[in-house]
Amino acid sequence: MQKEIPGEERFKVRRLEISDKSKGFIELLQQLSVCDSVPEEEFRTRFEELKSHGDDHVICVIEDDQSGKIIATGSVFVEKKFLRNCAKVGHIEDVVVDSSARGLKLGQKIVSSLTDHARCVGCYKVILDCSVDNIGFYEKCGFKQKEIQMARYFDQ
């Protein structure tokens, strides 16, 4: 049986809402990577665009119901393939927990929710990229190191 996390009832995973911008969503992403402030209208446009993908692109958050701040997030998008009889693969991205809330297993809660979503929409696997420093965390979430990631960046 899983150990009860103190205050677990105050940390529920839910989908991103338009109002989450004012609850520190962008500032949370800034703890993960380069993320400039996003003007209201641009946020709304991107939110609506992603929302239009339905279950094929889901951003989950955890809001601390005491502070009203978004303290954890992650996303999963579904790639539809021709391989494996037109199979689907889930890609987990942008997992971050606020520095003040680390150690509460919120990252595991987000990853578990995203993984469950991928399974429920018919993905045969879910994959992600991470830094060497995060391998241990993702192994605790049930992932195994496989293959090698490569990237090519473009000038913006």
C-alpha atoms as a PDB file:
ATOM      1  CA  MET A   1       0.000   0.000   0.000  1.00  0.00           C
ATOM      2  CA  GLN A   2       1.300   3.462  -0.854  1.00  0.00           C
ATOM      3  CA  LYS A   3       2.346   5.657   2.041  1.00  0.00           C
ATOM      4  CA  GLU A   4       0.021   8.575   2.754  1.00  0.00           C
ATOM      5  CA  ILE A   5       1.637  11.887   1.837  1.00  0.00           C
ATOM      6  CA  PRO A   6       1.026  14.583   4.458  1.00  0.00           C
ATOM      7  CA  GLY A   7      -1.413  17.113   3.038  1.00  0.00           C
ATOM      8  CA  GLU A   8      -1.979  14.960  -0.052  1.00  0.00           C
ATOM      9  CA  GLU A   9      -5.605  16.069  -0.311  1.00  0.00           C
ATOM     10  CA  ARG A  10      -4.430  19.612  -0.916  1.00  0.00           C
ATOM     11  CA  PHE A  11      -2.370  18.594  -3.976  1.00  0.00           C
ATOM     12  CA  LYS A  12      -4.728  17.404  -6.724  1.00  0.00           C
ATOM     13  CA  VAL A  13      -3.609  16.932 -10.326  1.00  0.00           C
ATOM     14  CA  ARG A  14      -5.854  18.675 -12.842  1.00  0.00           C
ATOM     15  CA  ARG A  15      -5.665  20.090 -16.354  1.00  0.00           C
ATOM     16  CA  LEU A  16      -4.275  23.549 -16.971  1.00  0.00           C
ATOM     17  CA  GLU A  17      -6.893  26.300 -16.890  1.00  0.00           C
ATOM     18  CA  ILE A  18      -6.704  29.739 -18.491  1.00  0.00           C
ATOM     19  CA  SER A  19      -6.678  31.340 -15.027  1.00  0.00           C
ATOM     20  CA  ASP A  20      -3.482  29.471 -14.085  1.00  0.00           C
ATOM     21  CA  LYS A  21      -1.349  32.132 -15.734  1.00  0.00           C
ATOM     22  CA  SER A  22      -2.178  34.436 -12.826  1.00  0.00           C
ATOM     23  CA  LYS A  23      -1.345  31.639 -10.371  1.00  0.00           C
ATOM     24  CA  GLY A  24       2.343  31.517 -11.302  1.00  0.00           C
ATOM     25  CA  PHE A  25       2.296  28.961 -14.122  1.00  0.00           C
ATOM     26  CA  ILE A  26       4.823  30.820 -16.304  1.00  0.00           C
ATOM     27  CA  GLU A  27       7.064  31.569 -13.309  1.00  0.00           C
ATOM     28  CA  LEU A  28       7.068  27.848 -12.505  1.00  0.00           C
ATOM     29  CA  LEU A  29       8.164  27.006 -16.057  1.00  0.00           C
ATOM     30  CA  GLN A  30      10.995  29.510 -15.633  1.00  0.00           C
ATOM     31  CA  GLN A  31      12.443  27.181 -12.981  1.00  0.00           C
ATOM     32  CA  LEU A  32      12.811  24.548 -15.707  1.00  0.00           C
ATOM     33  CA  SER A  33      14.139  26.405 -18.736  1.00  0.00           C
ATOM     34  CA  VAL A  34      14.168  29.641 -20.677  1.00  0.00           C
ATOM     35  CA  CYS A  35      10.653  31.026 -20.547  1.00  0.00           C
ATOM     36  CA  ASP A  36      10.157  34.744 -20.924  1.00  0.00           C
ATOM     37  CA  SER A  37       7.039  36.367 -19.565  1.00  0.00           C
ATOM     38  CA  VAL A  38       4.092  35.709 -21.874  1.00  0.00           C
ATOM     39  CA  PRO A  39       1.593  38.510 -22.556  1.00  0.00           C
ATOM     40  CA  GLU A  40      -2.036  37.724 -21.660  1.00  0.00           C
ATOM     41  CA  GLU A  41      -3.281  37.564 -25.251  1.00  0.00           C
ATOM     42  CA  GLU A  42      -0.416  35.339 -26.390  1.00  0.00           C
ATOM     43  CA  PHE A  43      -1.047  33.011 -23.427  1.00  0.00           C
ATOM     44  CA  ARG A  44      -4.754  32.842 -24.263  1.00  0.00           C
ATOM     45  CA  THR A  45      -4.039  32.094 -27.937  1.00  0.00           C
ATOM     46  CA  ARG A  46      -1.581  29.289 -27.120  1.00  0.00           C
ATOM     47  CA  PHE A  47      -3.888  27.903 -24.413  1.00  0.00           C
ATOM     48  CA  GLU A  48      -6.819  27.719 -26.867  1.00  0.00           C
ATOM     49  CA  GLU A  49      -4.607  26.177 -29.561  1.00  0.00           C
ATOM     50  CA  LEU A  50      -3.412  23.424 -27.204  1.00  0.00           C
ATOM     51  CA  LYS A  51      -6.906  22.906 -25.788  1.00  0.00           C
ATOM     52  CA  SER A  52      -8.204  22.307 -29.327  1.00  0.00           C
ATOM     53  CA  HIS A  53      -6.036  19.159 -29.462  1.00  0.00           C
ATOM     54  CA  GLY A  54      -8.211  17.587 -26.751  1.00  0.00           C
ATOM     55  CA  ASP A  55      -6.668  14.466 -25.263  1.00  0.00           C
ATOM     56  CA  ASP A  56      -3.762  14.564 -27.744  1.00  0.00           C
ATOM     57  CA  HIS A  57      -2.018  17.363 -25.810  1.00  0.00           C
ATOM     58  CA  VAL A  58      -2.609  17.631 -22.094  1.00  0.00           C
ATOM     59  CA  ILE A  59      -0.922  19.931 -19.600  1.00  0.00           C
ATOM     60  CA  CYS A  60      -1.439  18.926 -15.978  1.00  0.00           C
ATOM     61  CA  VAL A  61      -0.847  21.110 -12.960  1.00  0.00           C
ATOM     62  CA  ILE A  62      -0.996  20.884  -9.208  1.00  0.00           C
ATOM     63  CA  GLU A  63      -2.302  23.957  -7.429  1.00  0.00           C
ATOM     64  CA  ASP A  64      -1.538  24.402  -3.752  1.00  0.00           C
ATOM     65  CA  ASP A  65      -5.035  25.088  -2.451  1.00  0.00           C
ATOM     66  CA  GLN A  66      -3.617  26.993   0.529  1.00  0.00           C
ATOM     67  CA  SER A  67      -1.472  29.466  -1.429  1.00  0.00           C
ATOM     68  CA  GLY A  68      -3.425  29.376  -4.703  1.00  0.00           C
ATOM     69  CA  LYS A  69      -0.149  28.939  -6.613  1.00  0.00           C
ATOM     70  CA  ILE A  70       0.656  26.391  -9.315  1.00  0.00           C
ATOM     71  CA  ILE A  71       3.488  24.345  -7.799  1.00  0.00           C
ATOM     72  CA  ALA A  72       3.917  21.471 -10.276  1.00  0.00           C
ATOM     73  CA  THR A  73       3.281  20.850 -13.952  1.00  0.00           C
ATOM     74  CA  GLY A  74       4.014  18.524 -16.829  1.00  0.00           C
ATOM     75  CA  SER A  75       2.600  17.746 -20.245  1.00  0.00           C
ATOM     76  CA  VAL A  76       2.029  14.799 -22.521  1.00  0.00           C
ATOM     77  CA  PHE A  77       1.319  14.835 -26.221  1.00  0.00           C
ATOM     78  CA  VAL A  78       0.278  11.901 -28.344  1.00  0.00           C
ATOM     79  CA  GLU A  79       2.139  11.054 -31.531  1.00  0.00           C
ATOM     80  CA  LYS A  80       0.078   9.073 -34.015  1.00  0.00           C
ATOM     81  CA  LYS A  81       2.217   6.676 -36.018  1.00  0.00           C
ATOM     82  CA  PHE A  82       1.928   4.294 -38.966  1.00  0.00           C
ATOM     83  CA  LEU A  83       4.302   1.863 -37.232  1.00  0.00           C
ATOM     84  CA  ARG A  84       2.879  -0.913 -35.078  1.00  0.00           C
ATOM     85  CA  ASN A  85      -0.471  -0.875 -36.861  1.00  0.00           C
ATOM     86  CA  CYS A  86      -1.040   2.876 -36.524  1.00  0.00           C
ATOM     87  CA  ALA A  87      -0.004   2.927 -32.872  1.00  0.00           C
ATOM     88  CA  LYS A  88       0.245   5.923 -30.549  1.00  0.00           C
ATOM     89  CA  VAL A  89       3.183   7.065 -28.416  1.00  0.00           C
ATOM     90  CA  GLY A  90       2.966   9.468 -25.492  1.00  0.00           C
ATOM     91  CA  HIS A  91       5.715  12.063 -25.082  1.00  0.00           C
ATOM     92  CA  ILE A  92       6.143  13.556 -21.613  1.00  0.00           C
ATOM     93  CA  GLU A  93       7.611  17.045 -21.502  1.00  0.00           C
ATOM     94  CA  ASP A  94       8.179  20.040 -19.229  1.00  0.00           C
ATOM     95  CA  VAL A  95       7.907  18.375 -15.813  1.00  0.00           C
ATOM     96  CA  VAL A  96       8.792  20.787 -13.022  1.00  0.00           C
ATOM     97  CA  VAL A  97       8.003  21.179  -9.335  1.00  0.00           C
ATOM     98  CA  ASP A  98       8.383  24.507  -7.569  1.00  0.00           C
ATOM     99  CA  SER A  99      11.624  24.638  -5.585  1.00  0.00           C
ATOM    100  CA  SER A 100       9.641  25.260  -2.381  1.00  0.00           C
ATOM    101  CA  ALA A 101       7.586  22.072  -2.869  1.00  0.00           C
ATOM    102  CA  ARG A 102      10.246  19.553  -3.865  1.00  0.00           C
ATOM    103  CA  GLY A 103      10.434  16.375  -1.816  1.00  0.00           C
ATOM    104  CA  LEU A 104       6.640  16.038  -1.530  1.00  0.00           C
ATOM    105  CA  LYS A 105       6.480  13.506  -4.407  1.00  0.00           C
ATOM    106  CA  LEU A 106       4.511  15.951  -6.541  1.00  0.00           C
ATOM    107  CA  GLY A 107       6.729  15.248  -9.551  1.00  0.00           C
ATOM    108  CA  GLN A 108       5.920  11.553  -9.269  1.00  0.00           C
ATOM    109  CA  LYS A 109       2.238  12.437  -8.990  1.00  0.00           C
ATOM    110  CA  ILE A 110       2.393  14.521 -12.194  1.00  0.00           C
ATOM    111  CA  VAL A 111       4.357  11.861 -14.123  1.00  0.00           C
ATOM    112  CA  SER A 112       1.976   9.140 -12.945  1.00  0.00           C
ATOM    113  CA  SER A 113      -1.026  11.175 -14.091  1.00  0.00           C
ATOM    114  CA  LEU A 114       0.535  11.861 -17.502  1.00  0.00           C
ATOM    115  CA  THR A 115       1.506   8.204 -17.919  1.00  0.00           C
ATOM    116  CA  ASP A 116      -1.995   7.070 -16.978  1.00  0.00           C
ATOM    117  CA  HIS A 117      -3.462   9.503 -19.500  1.00  0.00           C
ATOM    118  CA  ALA A 118      -1.217   8.112 -22.274  1.00  0.00           C
ATOM    119  CA  ARG A 119      -2.266   4.565 -21.408  1.00  0.00           C
ATOM    120  CA  CYS A 120      -5.958   5.520 -21.331  1.00  0.00           C
ATOM    121  CA  VAL A 121      -5.858   7.087 -24.817  1.00  0.00           C
ATOM    122  CA  GLY A 122      -4.272   3.948 -26.262  1.00  0.00           C
ATOM    123  CA  CYS A 123      -0.541   4.660 -26.302  1.00  0.00           C
ATOM    124  CA  TYR A 124       1.602   1.530 -26.361  1.00  0.00           C
ATOM    125  CA  LYS A 125       4.464   3.378 -24.651  1.00  0.00           C
ATOM    126  CA  VAL A 126       5.344   6.716 -23.158  1.00  0.00           C
ATOM    127  CA  ILE A 127       8.791   8.264 -23.545  1.00  0.00           C
ATOM    128  CA  LEU A 128      10.654  11.337 -22.334  1.00  0.00           C
ATOM    129  CA  ASP A 129      14.029  13.025 -22.412  1.00  0.00           C
ATOM    130  CA  CYS A 130      15.796  14.049 -19.232  1.00  0.00           C
ATOM    131  CA  SER A 131      19.149  15.198 -17.935  1.00  0.00           C
ATOM    132  CA  VAL A 132      21.566  12.722 -16.377  1.00  0.00           C
ATOM    133  CA  ASP A 133      20.785  14.339 -13.011  1.00  0.00           C
ATOM    134  CA  ASN A 134      17.114  13.301 -13.321  1.00  0.00           C
ATOM    135  CA  ILE A 135      17.612   9.657 -14.317  1.00  0.00           C
ATOM    136  CA  GLY A 136      17.086   8.444 -10.729  1.00  0.00           C
ATOM    137  CA  PHE A 137      13.820  10.364 -10.414  1.00  0.00           C
ATOM    138  CA  TYR A 138      12.388   8.900 -13.609  1.00  0.00           C
ATOM    139  CA  GLU A 139      13.536   5.398 -12.652  1.00  0.00           C
ATOM    140  CA  LYS A 140      11.467   5.815  -9.457  1.00  0.00           C
ATOM    141  CA  CYS A 141       8.550   6.630 -11.777  1.00  0.00           C
ATOM    142  CA  GLY A 142       9.024   3.315 -13.605  1.00  0.00           C
ATOM    143  CA  PHE A 143      11.052   4.499 -16.606  1.00  0.00           C
ATOM    144  CA  LYS A 144      14.173   2.772 -17.923  1.00  0.00           C
ATOM    145  CA  GLN A 145      17.123   4.341 -19.663  1.00  0.00           C
ATOM    146  CA  LYS A 146      17.080   3.400 -23.342  1.00  0.00           C
ATOM    147  CA  GLU A 147      18.828   4.551 -26.481  1.00  0.00           C
ATOM    148  CA  ILE A 148      20.492   7.962 -26.836  1.00  0.00           C
ATOM    149  CA  GLN A 149      18.869  11.324 -27.291  1.00  0.00           C
ATOM    150  CA  MET A 150      20.195  13.718 -29.880  1.00  0.00           C
ATOM    151  CA  ALA A 151      19.115  17.270 -30.619  1.00  0.00           C
ATOM    152  CA  ARG A 152      19.696  19.949 -33.185  1.00  0.00           C
ATOM    153  CA  TYR A 153      18.816  23.484 -32.183  1.00  0.00           C
ATOM    154  CA  PHE A 154      17.905  26.291 -34.558  1.00  0.00           C
ATOM    155  CA  ASP A 155      18.728  29.959 -34.129  1.00  0.00           C
ATOM    156  CA  GLN A 156      15.620  31.829 -33.093  1.00  0.00           C
END
